[in-house]
Amino acid sequence: MPTKTDLRATFLEKRLHLSPEAMATANNAIMAHCQALDYTGIRYLHLFLPIDDKKEVDTRPLAAWLREAHPEVNLVLSKTDMQSSQMLHYLWDEQTQFIQHRYGMTEPAGGMLVMPAAMDLVLVPLLAFDLQGHRVGYGKGMYDRFLQQCRPDVQIIGLSQFEPVESIDDAAEWDIRLRKAITPLAIYEFNS
């Protein structure tokens, strides 16, 4: 069985080799699945803006759709501190100013802070995930720390261009698992 390190290297390489056409097709399919989700009762939805150089799932069209179809949903973005591996979360509204992080991330410069406990739904970027809902990111642990601060009932949904692997060898019991994962082909649901 592959380890997180193996999967991180393999899936980052696979993602970087996706053609623009394959990326567009995957993003459109993921967007359609996201539009099919039930947003009833969702007040604060945390999402990420993609690191384009790493070919992450493009959430910008989803944000635009949510603003139009679900104006009651408040969108939240993070600003990262790479030294402490912490994330601060800000309401994304018409006053939000953005900065370009040296690691290629577009982040809010500041604004109205939103505490992790307020989040109802968190969309998580993924490199890989398995059939039990374990996830693999870039390995800094920032989302782990953030998700530990969220309520136990928060919906954690991963977005990935690739289908799951069967199992991750070094997944730990304390890893915070996904509730769902969305790929171009399916919406996967996991028991927590």
N, C-alpha and C. Protein backbone atom coordinates (compact mmCIF):
# COMPACT_ATOMS: atom_id res chain seq x y z
N MET A 1 0.84 -1.19 0.00
CA MET A 1 0.00 0.00 0.00
C MET A 1 0.88 1.25 0.00
N PRO A 2 0.47 2.28 -0.72
CA PRO A 2 1.29 3.49 -0.79
C PRO A 2 1.19 4.33 0.50
N THR A 3 2.26 5.06 0.78
CA THR A 3 2.28 5.97 1.91
C THR A 3 1.88 7.37 1.44
N LYS A 4 1.66 8.27 2.40
CA LYS A 4 1.33 9.65 2.06
C LYS A 4 2.43 10.27 1.22
N THR A 5 3.68 10.00 1.57
CA THR A 5 4.81 10.55 0.81
C THR A 5 4.80 10.05 -0.63
N ASP A 6 4.56 8.74 -0.81
CA ASP A 6 4.49 8.16 -2.17
C ASP A 6 3.37 8.83 -2.96
N LEU A 7 2.19 8.93 -2.34
CA LEU A 7 1.03 9.49 -3.03
C LEU A 7 1.23 10.97 -3.34
N ARG A 8 1.84 11.69 -2.42
CA ARG A 8 2.09 13.12 -2.62
C ARG A 8 2.93 13.31 -3.89
N ALA A 9 4.00 12.56 -4.02
CA ALA A 9 4.89 12.69 -5.19
C ALA A 9 4.17 12.24 -6.47
N THR A 10 3.50 11.09 -6.40
CA THR A 10 2.84 10.54 -7.59
C THR A 10 1.73 11.44 -8.12
N PHE A 11 0.85 11.89 -7.21
CA PHE A 11 -0.31 12.64 -7.67
C PHE A 11 0.03 14.09 -8.02
N LEU A 12 1.04 14.66 -7.38
CA LEU A 12 1.46 16.00 -7.81
C LEU A 12 2.03 15.92 -9.22
N GLU A 13 2.80 14.89 -9.48
CA GLU A 13 3.36 14.70 -10.82
C GLU A 13 2.25 14.49 -11.85
N LYS A 14 1.27 13.64 -11.51
CA LYS A 14 0.14 13.40 -12.42
C LYS A 14 -0.62 14.69 -12.70
N ARG A 15 -0.84 15.47 -11.66
CA ARG A 15 -1.61 16.70 -11.82
C ARG A 15 -0.85 17.70 -12.68
N LEU A 16 0.44 17.81 -12.47
CA LEU A 16 1.23 18.77 -13.25
C LEU A 16 1.28 18.41 -14.73
N HIS A 17 1.03 17.14 -15.04
CA HIS A 17 1.04 16.72 -16.44
C HIS A 17 -0.34 16.73 -17.10
N LEU A 18 -1.36 17.19 -16.38
CA LEU A 18 -2.67 17.31 -17.01
C LEU A 18 -2.64 18.40 -18.08
N SER A 19 -3.23 18.12 -19.21
CA SER A 19 -3.31 19.12 -20.27
C SER A 19 -4.33 20.19 -19.89
N PRO A 20 -4.27 21.36 -20.51
CA PRO A 20 -5.31 22.37 -20.24
C PRO A 20 -6.72 21.85 -20.53
N GLU A 21 -6.86 21.02 -21.56
CA GLU A 21 -8.17 20.46 -21.89
C GLU A 21 -8.64 19.50 -20.81
N ALA A 22 -7.74 18.65 -20.32
CA ALA A 22 -8.10 17.72 -19.25
C ALA A 22 -8.45 18.47 -17.97
N MET A 23 -7.71 19.53 -17.68
CA MET A 23 -8.01 20.35 -16.50
C MET A 23 -9.39 20.98 -16.62
N ALA A 24 -9.69 21.54 -17.77
CA ALA A 24 -11.00 22.19 -17.97
C ALA A 24 -12.13 21.17 -17.84
N THR A 25 -11.97 20.00 -18.42
CA THR A 25 -12.98 18.95 -18.33
C THR A 25 -13.19 18.53 -16.88
N ALA A 26 -12.09 18.32 -16.14
CA ALA A 26 -12.18 17.91 -14.73
C ALA A 26 -12.85 19.00 -13.91
N ASN A 27 -12.43 20.25 -14.09
CA ASN A 27 -13.02 21.36 -13.33
C ASN A 27 -14.52 21.50 -13.60
N ASN A 28 -14.92 21.36 -14.85
CA ASN A 28 -16.35 21.47 -15.19
C ASN A 28 -17.17 20.36 -14.52
N ALA A 29 -16.63 19.15 -14.51
CA ALA A 29 -17.34 18.03 -13.90
C ALA A 29 -17.42 18.20 -12.38
N ILE A 30 -16.33 18.64 -11.76
CA ILE A 30 -16.32 18.88 -10.32
C ILE A 30 -17.32 19.98 -9.98
N MET A 31 -17.34 21.02 -10.79
CA MET A 31 -18.28 22.14 -10.58
C MET A 31 -19.72 21.64 -10.62
N ALA A 32 -20.05 20.78 -11.58
CA ALA A 32 -21.41 20.25 -11.69
C ALA A 32 -21.78 19.45 -10.44
N HIS A 33 -20.84 18.66 -9.91
CA HIS A 33 -21.10 17.91 -8.68
C HIS A 33 -21.30 18.86 -7.49
N CYS A 34 -20.48 19.91 -7.44
CA CYS A 34 -20.61 20.89 -6.34
C CYS A 34 -21.97 21.59 -6.41
N GLN A 35 -22.46 21.86 -7.59
CA GLN A 35 -23.76 22.50 -7.74
C GLN A 35 -24.89 21.59 -7.29
N ALA A 36 -24.66 20.29 -7.28
CA ALA A 36 -25.69 19.33 -6.87
C ALA A 36 -25.75 19.14 -5.35
N LEU A 37 -24.80 19.70 -4.61
CA LEU A 37 -24.80 19.55 -3.15
C LEU A 37 -25.97 20.33 -2.53
N ASP A 38 -26.35 19.93 -1.35
CA ASP A 38 -27.41 20.61 -0.61
C ASP A 38 -26.78 21.69 0.28
N TYR A 39 -27.09 22.93 0.02
CA TYR A 39 -26.52 24.05 0.78
C TYR A 39 -27.49 24.58 1.86
N THR A 40 -28.54 23.81 2.14
CA THR A 40 -29.48 24.21 3.18
C THR A 40 -28.75 24.30 4.52
N GLY A 41 -28.94 25.40 5.21
CA GLY A 41 -28.33 25.58 6.53
C GLY A 41 -26.87 25.96 6.52
N ILE A 42 -26.28 26.12 5.35
CA ILE A 42 -24.86 26.51 5.27
C ILE A 42 -24.77 28.03 5.35
N ARG A 43 -24.19 28.54 6.42
CA ARG A 43 -24.00 29.99 6.57
C ARG A 43 -22.58 30.40 6.22
N TYR A 44 -21.60 29.59 6.62
CA TYR A 44 -20.19 29.90 6.35
C TYR A 44 -19.55 28.73 5.62
N LEU A 45 -19.10 29.00 4.40
CA LEU A 45 -18.46 27.99 3.56
C LEU A 45 -17.03 28.43 3.32
N HIS A 46 -16.10 27.63 3.78
CA HIS A 46 -14.68 27.92 3.59
C HIS A 46 -14.23 27.25 2.30
N LEU A 47 -13.61 28.03 1.44
CA LEU A 47 -13.05 27.44 0.23
C LEU A 47 -11.64 27.97 0.02
N PHE A 48 -10.97 27.42 -0.95
CA PHE A 48 -9.60 27.81 -1.26
C PHE A 48 -9.58 28.37 -2.67
N LEU A 49 -8.70 29.31 -2.91
CA LEU A 49 -8.44 29.73 -4.27
C LEU A 49 -7.27 28.89 -4.78
N PRO A 50 -7.32 28.45 -6.02
CA PRO A 50 -6.32 27.49 -6.50
C PRO A 50 -4.94 28.11 -6.65
N ILE A 51 -3.94 27.27 -6.41
CA ILE A 51 -2.57 27.61 -6.78
C ILE A 51 -2.45 27.15 -8.23
N ASP A 52 -2.53 28.09 -9.15
CA ASP A 52 -2.59 27.75 -10.57
C ASP A 52 -1.36 26.98 -11.04
N ASP A 53 -0.18 27.33 -10.51
CA ASP A 53 1.05 26.62 -10.92
C ASP A 53 1.02 25.15 -10.52
N LYS A 54 0.22 24.81 -9.51
CA LYS A 54 0.14 23.42 -9.07
C LYS A 54 -1.12 22.74 -9.62
N LYS A 55 -1.83 23.44 -10.49
CA LYS A 55 -3.02 22.92 -11.17
C LYS A 55 -4.06 22.38 -10.20
N GLU A 56 -4.29 23.13 -9.11
CA GLU A 56 -5.35 22.75 -8.19
C GLU A 56 -6.72 22.96 -8.84
N VAL A 57 -7.72 22.30 -8.30
CA VAL A 57 -9.10 22.48 -8.77
C VAL A 57 -9.44 23.97 -8.70
N ASP A 58 -10.01 24.48 -9.79
CA ASP A 58 -10.35 25.91 -9.86
C ASP A 58 -11.71 26.14 -9.20
N THR A 59 -11.69 26.78 -8.04
CA THR A 59 -12.91 27.04 -7.28
C THR A 59 -13.54 28.39 -7.60
N ARG A 60 -12.90 29.19 -8.44
CA ARG A 60 -13.44 30.52 -8.74
C ARG A 60 -14.82 30.46 -9.40
N PRO A 61 -15.06 29.58 -10.38
CA PRO A 61 -16.42 29.49 -10.94
C PRO A 61 -17.45 29.05 -9.90
N LEU A 62 -17.04 28.18 -8.98
CA LEU A 62 -17.96 27.77 -7.92
C LEU A 62 -18.31 28.95 -7.03
N ALA A 63 -17.32 29.76 -6.67
CA ALA A 63 -17.58 30.94 -5.84
C ALA A 63 -18.57 31.87 -6.53
N ALA A 64 -18.38 32.09 -7.82
CA ALA A 64 -19.29 32.97 -8.57
C ALA A 64 -20.70 32.39 -8.59
N TRP A 65 -20.82 31.08 -8.79
CA TRP A 65 -22.13 30.44 -8.81
C TRP A 65 -22.79 30.52 -7.44
N LEU A 66 -22.03 30.26 -6.38
CA LEU A 66 -22.59 30.33 -5.02
C LEU A 66 -23.12 31.73 -4.71
N ARG A 67 -22.39 32.76 -5.11
CA ARG A 67 -22.83 34.13 -4.86
C ARG A 67 -24.18 34.41 -5.53
N GLU A 68 -24.38 33.83 -6.70
CA GLU A 68 -25.63 34.05 -7.43
C GLU A 68 -26.75 33.12 -6.95
N ALA A 69 -26.45 31.83 -6.83
CA ALA A 69 -27.48 30.84 -6.51
C ALA A 69 -27.78 30.76 -5.02
N HIS A 70 -26.80 31.08 -4.18
CA HIS A 70 -26.96 30.97 -2.73
C HIS A 70 -26.37 32.19 -2.04
N PRO A 71 -26.97 33.36 -2.21
CA PRO A 71 -26.41 34.58 -1.62
C PRO A 71 -26.41 34.56 -0.09
N GLU A 72 -27.17 33.64 0.51
CA GLU A 72 -27.19 33.52 1.97
C GLU A 72 -25.92 32.86 2.52
N VAL A 73 -25.13 32.24 1.65
CA VAL A 73 -23.90 31.56 2.07
C VAL A 73 -22.75 32.57 2.07
N ASN A 74 -22.10 32.71 3.21
CA ASN A 74 -20.93 33.58 3.34
C ASN A 74 -19.69 32.78 2.96
N LEU A 75 -18.90 33.30 2.03
CA LEU A 75 -17.68 32.63 1.62
C LEU A 75 -16.51 33.10 2.47
N VAL A 76 -15.64 32.17 2.83
CA VAL A 76 -14.51 32.44 3.70
C VAL A 76 -13.24 31.91 3.04
N LEU A 77 -12.17 32.71 3.10
CA LEU A 77 -10.86 32.33 2.57
C LEU A 77 -9.82 32.41 3.69
N SER A 78 -8.73 31.69 3.51
CA SER A 78 -7.66 31.70 4.51
C SER A 78 -6.46 32.49 4.05
N LYS A 79 -5.73 32.97 5.05
CA LYS A 79 -4.41 33.56 4.86
C LYS A 79 -3.47 32.70 5.69
N THR A 80 -2.37 32.27 5.10
CA THR A 80 -1.47 31.34 5.78
C THR A 80 -0.24 32.04 6.33
N ASP A 81 0.22 31.50 7.44
CA ASP A 81 1.50 31.90 8.02
C ASP A 81 2.40 30.68 7.91
N MET A 82 3.30 30.69 6.95
CA MET A 82 4.13 29.51 6.69
C MET A 82 5.09 29.23 7.86
N GLN A 83 5.45 30.25 8.63
CA GLN A 83 6.35 30.04 9.76
C GLN A 83 5.67 29.21 10.86
N SER A 84 4.43 29.57 11.19
CA SER A 84 3.72 28.88 12.26
C SER A 84 2.81 27.75 11.75
N SER A 85 2.65 27.65 10.43
CA SER A 85 1.73 26.69 9.81
C SER A 85 0.30 26.88 10.29
N GLN A 86 -0.07 28.12 10.58
CA GLN A 86 -1.42 28.46 11.01
C GLN A 86 -2.16 29.17 9.87
N MET A 87 -3.48 29.13 9.94
CA MET A 87 -4.31 29.81 8.96
C MET A 87 -5.26 30.75 9.70
N LEU A 88 -5.42 31.96 9.17
CA LEU A 88 -6.44 32.89 9.63
C LEU A 88 -7.51 32.93 8.55
N HIS A 89 -8.76 33.09 8.95
CA HIS A 89 -9.88 32.96 8.02
C HIS A 89 -10.65 34.28 7.95
N TYR A 90 -10.89 34.72 6.72
CA TYR A 90 -11.53 36.02 6.50
C TYR A 90 -12.76 35.88 5.60
N LEU A 91 -13.78 36.65 5.93
CA LEU A 91 -14.96 36.74 5.08
C LEU A 91 -14.55 37.30 3.73
N TRP A 92 -15.01 36.67 2.65
CA TRP A 92 -14.70 37.13 1.30
C TRP A 92 -15.90 37.91 0.81
N ASP A 93 -15.77 39.23 0.82
CA ASP A 93 -16.86 40.08 0.35
C ASP A 93 -16.31 41.08 -0.66
N GLU A 94 -17.16 42.04 -1.05
CA GLU A 94 -16.75 42.99 -2.10
C GLU A 94 -15.62 43.91 -1.67
N GLN A 95 -15.36 44.03 -0.37
CA GLN A 95 -14.25 44.86 0.10
C GLN A 95 -12.92 44.10 0.21
N THR A 96 -12.94 42.80 0.02
CA THR A 96 -11.73 42.00 0.21
C THR A 96 -10.64 42.42 -0.77
N GLN A 97 -9.48 42.70 -0.21
CA GLN A 97 -8.27 42.99 -1.00
C GLN A 97 -7.41 41.72 -0.98
N PHE A 98 -6.75 41.44 -2.09
CA PHE A 98 -5.96 40.22 -2.18
C PHE A 98 -4.47 40.52 -2.31
N ILE A 99 -3.68 39.58 -1.80
CA ILE A 99 -2.23 39.63 -1.95
C ILE A 99 -1.78 38.31 -2.58
N GLN A 100 -0.65 38.34 -3.23
CA GLN A 100 -0.08 37.13 -3.82
C GLN A 100 1.02 36.64 -2.88
N HIS A 101 0.81 35.46 -2.30
CA HIS A 101 1.78 34.84 -1.40
C HIS A 101 2.96 34.35 -2.22
N ARG A 102 4.13 34.34 -1.64
CA ARG A 102 5.32 33.93 -2.41
C ARG A 102 5.26 32.47 -2.87
N TYR A 103 4.38 31.67 -2.28
CA TYR A 103 4.23 30.28 -2.71
C TYR A 103 3.15 30.12 -3.78
N GLY A 104 2.69 31.23 -4.35
CA GLY A 104 1.73 31.18 -5.45
C GLY A 104 0.28 31.23 -5.04
N MET A 105 0.02 31.40 -3.75
CA MET A 105 -1.36 31.44 -3.28
C MET A 105 -1.89 32.87 -3.32
N THR A 106 -3.13 33.03 -3.79
CA THR A 106 -3.82 34.30 -3.71
C THR A 106 -4.63 34.28 -2.43
N GLU A 107 -4.38 35.28 -1.55
CA GLU A 107 -4.99 35.27 -0.23
C GLU A 107 -5.55 36.64 0.11
N PRO A 108 -6.52 36.68 1.03
CA PRO A 108 -7.02 37.98 1.48
C PRO A 108 -5.93 38.70 2.28
N ALA A 109 -5.85 40.01 2.09
CA ALA A 109 -4.88 40.81 2.84
C ALA A 109 -5.34 40.99 4.28
N GLY A 110 -6.61 40.86 4.53
CA GLY A 110 -7.20 41.03 5.85
C GLY A 110 -8.70 41.10 5.70
N GLY A 111 -9.36 41.69 6.68
CA GLY A 111 -10.81 41.81 6.61
C GLY A 111 -11.45 41.34 7.89
N MET A 112 -12.71 40.89 7.78
CA MET A 112 -13.44 40.43 8.95
C MET A 112 -13.07 38.98 9.24
N LEU A 113 -12.48 38.75 10.42
CA LEU A 113 -12.09 37.40 10.82
C LEU A 113 -13.32 36.53 11.06
N VAL A 114 -13.22 35.27 10.65
CA VAL A 114 -14.26 34.28 10.92
C VAL A 114 -13.57 33.13 11.65
N MET A 115 -14.10 32.77 12.80
CA MET A 115 -13.50 31.70 13.60
C MET A 115 -13.81 30.33 12.99
N PRO A 116 -12.88 29.38 13.12
CA PRO A 116 -13.13 28.04 12.59
C PRO A 116 -14.43 27.40 13.07
N ALA A 117 -14.82 27.66 14.30
CA ALA A 117 -16.05 27.06 14.84
C ALA A 117 -17.30 27.53 14.11
N ALA A 118 -17.20 28.62 13.35
CA ALA A 118 -18.36 29.12 12.61
C ALA A 118 -18.57 28.38 11.29
N MET A 119 -17.57 27.64 10.83
CA MET A 119 -17.65 27.01 9.52
C MET A 119 -18.68 25.88 9.52
N ASP A 120 -19.52 25.88 8.49
CA ASP A 120 -20.49 24.81 8.29
C ASP A 120 -20.00 23.80 7.26
N LEU A 121 -19.22 24.29 6.30
CA LEU A 121 -18.71 23.44 5.22
C LEU A 121 -17.32 23.94 4.86
N VAL A 122 -16.38 23.01 4.73
CA VAL A 122 -15.01 23.34 4.34
C VAL A 122 -14.66 22.54 3.10
N LEU A 123 -14.30 23.23 2.03
CA LEU A 123 -13.79 22.57 0.82
C LEU A 123 -12.27 22.51 0.93
N VAL A 124 -11.73 21.31 0.77
CA VAL A 124 -10.32 21.06 1.01
C VAL A 124 -9.63 20.67 -0.30
N PRO A 125 -8.49 21.30 -0.60
CA PRO A 125 -7.72 20.86 -1.77
C PRO A 125 -7.03 19.53 -1.45
N LEU A 126 -6.94 18.66 -2.43
CA LEU A 126 -6.33 17.34 -2.22
C LEU A 126 -5.32 17.02 -3.30
N LEU A 127 -4.32 16.25 -2.94
CA LEU A 127 -3.49 15.58 -3.93
C LEU A 127 -4.05 14.18 -4.17
N ALA A 128 -4.45 13.52 -3.07
CA ALA A 128 -5.00 12.16 -3.17
C ALA A 128 -5.87 11.90 -1.95
N PHE A 129 -6.69 10.85 -2.04
CA PHE A 129 -7.50 10.39 -0.91
C PHE A 129 -7.79 8.91 -1.11
N ASP A 130 -8.23 8.27 -0.02
CA ASP A 130 -8.54 6.84 -0.14
C ASP A 130 -10.02 6.57 0.12
N LEU A 131 -10.40 5.32 0.00
CA LEU A 131 -11.81 4.93 0.11
C LEU A 131 -12.37 5.03 1.53
N GLN A 132 -11.52 5.35 2.51
CA GLN A 132 -11.97 5.56 3.87
C GLN A 132 -12.08 7.06 4.20
N GLY A 133 -11.72 7.92 3.25
CA GLY A 133 -11.80 9.36 3.47
C GLY A 133 -10.53 9.98 4.02
N HIS A 134 -9.45 9.22 4.10
CA HIS A 134 -8.16 9.82 4.48
C HIS A 134 -7.65 10.64 3.31
N ARG A 135 -6.99 11.74 3.61
CA ARG A 135 -6.57 12.65 2.55
C ARG A 135 -5.07 12.90 2.60
N VAL A 136 -4.56 13.31 1.45
CA VAL A 136 -3.15 13.67 1.32
C VAL A 136 -3.09 15.06 0.70
N GLY A 137 -2.44 15.97 1.42
CA GLY A 137 -2.19 17.32 0.91
C GLY A 137 -0.70 17.51 0.70
N TYR A 138 -0.23 18.72 0.90
CA TYR A 138 1.18 19.01 0.67
C TYR A 138 2.08 18.66 1.85
N GLY A 139 1.50 18.25 2.97
CA GLY A 139 2.30 17.75 4.08
C GLY A 139 2.68 18.76 5.14
N LYS A 140 2.15 19.96 5.09
CA LYS A 140 2.48 20.98 6.09
C LYS A 140 1.57 20.88 7.32
N GLY A 141 0.43 20.20 7.21
CA GLY A 141 -0.47 20.02 8.34
C GLY A 141 -1.37 21.21 8.64
N MET A 142 -1.40 22.20 7.75
CA MET A 142 -2.20 23.40 8.02
C MET A 142 -3.70 23.09 8.07
N TYR A 143 -4.18 22.31 7.13
CA TYR A 143 -5.60 21.97 7.15
C TYR A 143 -5.93 21.09 8.35
N ASP A 144 -5.02 20.21 8.76
CA ASP A 144 -5.26 19.40 9.95
C ASP A 144 -5.49 20.29 11.17
N ARG A 145 -4.61 21.27 11.36
CA ARG A 145 -4.75 22.18 12.51
C ARG A 145 -6.05 22.97 12.42
N PHE A 146 -6.37 23.45 11.23
CA PHE A 146 -7.60 24.21 11.02
C PHE A 146 -8.83 23.34 11.31
N LEU A 147 -8.89 22.15 10.74
CA LEU A 147 -10.06 21.29 10.88
C LEU A 147 -10.27 20.84 12.32
N GLN A 148 -9.19 20.72 13.09
CA GLN A 148 -9.33 20.36 14.50
C GLN A 148 -10.04 21.46 15.28
N GLN A 149 -10.00 22.69 14.79
CA GLN A 149 -10.63 23.82 15.46
C GLN A 149 -12.10 23.99 15.06
N CYS A 150 -12.53 23.25 14.05
CA CYS A 150 -13.91 23.35 13.57
C CYS A 150 -14.83 22.50 14.45
N ARG A 151 -16.12 22.73 14.33
CA ARG A 151 -17.11 21.95 15.07
C ARG A 151 -17.08 20.48 14.59
N PRO A 152 -17.47 19.55 15.46
CA PRO A 152 -17.50 18.14 15.04
C PRO A 152 -18.46 17.87 13.88
N ASP A 153 -19.49 18.71 13.72
CA ASP A 153 -20.47 18.46 12.65
C ASP A 153 -20.13 19.19 11.35
N VAL A 154 -18.97 19.82 11.26
CA VAL A 154 -18.62 20.53 10.02
C VAL A 154 -18.54 19.53 8.86
N GLN A 155 -19.03 19.93 7.71
CA GLN A 155 -18.92 19.10 6.51
C GLN A 155 -17.54 19.36 5.89
N ILE A 156 -16.75 18.31 5.74
CA ILE A 156 -15.41 18.42 5.15
C ILE A 156 -15.46 17.70 3.81
N ILE A 157 -15.31 18.47 2.74
CA ILE A 157 -15.43 17.91 1.39
C ILE A 157 -14.14 18.19 0.62
N GLY A 158 -13.49 17.14 0.18
CA GLY A 158 -12.27 17.28 -0.61
C GLY A 158 -12.58 17.37 -2.09
N LEU A 159 -11.77 18.14 -2.80
CA LEU A 159 -11.91 18.28 -4.26
C LEU A 159 -10.65 17.74 -4.92
N SER A 160 -10.82 16.80 -5.83
CA SER A 160 -9.68 16.15 -6.47
C SER A 160 -9.97 15.85 -7.94
N GLN A 161 -8.95 16.02 -8.77
CA GLN A 161 -9.09 15.65 -10.18
C GLN A 161 -9.01 14.14 -10.40
N PHE A 162 -8.62 13.40 -9.35
CA PHE A 162 -8.36 11.97 -9.51
C PHE A 162 -9.24 11.14 -8.57
N GLU A 163 -9.49 9.91 -8.99
CA GLU A 163 -10.29 8.98 -8.20
C GLU A 163 -9.45 8.48 -7.02
N PRO A 164 -10.11 7.91 -5.99
CA PRO A 164 -9.38 7.50 -4.79
C PRO A 164 -8.49 6.28 -5.01
N VAL A 165 -7.49 6.17 -4.15
CA VAL A 165 -6.71 4.93 -4.05
C VAL A 165 -7.45 4.06 -3.04
N GLU A 166 -7.13 2.78 -3.00
CA GLU A 166 -7.86 1.89 -2.09
C GLU A 166 -7.58 2.23 -0.62
N SER A 167 -6.32 2.41 -0.29
CA SER A 167 -5.97 2.68 1.10
C SER A 167 -4.63 3.39 1.17
N ILE A 168 -4.45 4.21 2.21
CA ILE A 168 -3.18 4.89 2.46
C ILE A 168 -2.53 4.18 3.63
N ASP A 169 -1.33 3.66 3.40
CA ASP A 169 -0.66 2.80 4.38
C ASP A 169 -0.43 3.48 5.73
N ASP A 170 -0.02 4.74 5.71
CA ASP A 170 0.33 5.39 6.98
C ASP A 170 -0.73 6.38 7.46
N ALA A 171 -1.98 6.18 7.05
CA ALA A 171 -3.06 7.00 7.59
C ALA A 171 -3.19 6.69 9.09
N ALA A 172 -3.33 7.73 9.89
CA ALA A 172 -3.40 7.55 11.34
C ALA A 172 -4.83 7.68 11.83
N GLU A 173 -5.12 7.05 12.97
CA GLU A 173 -6.45 7.12 13.56
C GLU A 173 -6.88 8.55 13.84
N TRP A 174 -5.93 9.40 14.20
CA TRP A 174 -6.25 10.78 14.57
C TRP A 174 -6.35 11.72 13.38
N ASP A 175 -6.02 11.24 12.17
CA ASP A 175 -6.19 12.08 10.98
C ASP A 175 -7.66 12.47 10.84
N ILE A 176 -7.89 13.71 10.52
CA ILE A 176 -9.27 14.15 10.30
C ILE A 176 -9.67 13.76 8.89
N ARG A 177 -10.68 12.90 8.82
CA ARG A 177 -11.09 12.37 7.53
C ARG A 177 -12.13 13.26 6.86
N LEU A 178 -12.23 13.08 5.57
CA LEU A 178 -13.25 13.77 4.77
C LEU A 178 -14.62 13.17 5.08
N ARG A 179 -15.65 14.00 4.94
CA ARG A 179 -17.03 13.47 4.97
C ARG A 179 -17.45 13.06 3.56
N LYS A 180 -16.92 13.84 2.58
CA LYS A 180 -17.18 13.56 1.17
C LYS A 180 -15.94 13.95 0.37
N ALA A 181 -15.85 13.41 -0.84
CA ALA A 181 -14.84 13.84 -1.80
C ALA A 181 -15.53 13.93 -3.16
N ILE A 182 -15.16 14.95 -3.90
CA ILE A 182 -15.74 15.16 -5.22
C ILE A 182 -14.64 15.06 -6.25
N THR A 183 -14.86 14.21 -7.24
CA THR A 183 -13.95 14.05 -8.36
C THR A 183 -14.75 14.30 -9.64
N PRO A 184 -14.10 14.30 -10.79
CA PRO A 184 -14.88 14.46 -12.02
C PRO A 184 -15.93 13.38 -12.23
N LEU A 185 -15.69 12.17 -11.68
CA LEU A 185 -16.60 11.06 -11.95
C LEU A 185 -17.66 10.83 -10.89
N ALA A 186 -17.45 11.31 -9.65
CA ALA A 186 -18.37 10.90 -8.58
C ALA A 186 -18.28 11.82 -7.37
N ILE A 187 -19.28 11.68 -6.51
CA ILE A 187 -19.25 12.23 -5.16
C ILE A 187 -19.15 11.03 -4.22
N TYR A 188 -18.06 10.93 -3.49
CA TYR A 188 -17.85 9.83 -2.54
C TYR A 188 -18.28 10.29 -1.15
N GLU A 189 -18.94 9.41 -0.41
CA GLU A 189 -19.34 9.72 0.96
C GLU A 189 -18.67 8.72 1.89
N PHE A 190 -18.25 9.21 3.06
CA PHE A 190 -17.51 8.37 4.02
C PHE A 190 -18.20 8.42 5.36
N ASN A 191 -18.15 7.31 6.09
CA ASN A 191 -18.63 7.27 7.46
C ASN A 191 -17.54 7.83 8.36
N SER A 192 -17.91 8.71 9.25
CA SER A 192 -16.91 9.30 10.15
C SER A 192 -16.87 8.57 11.46
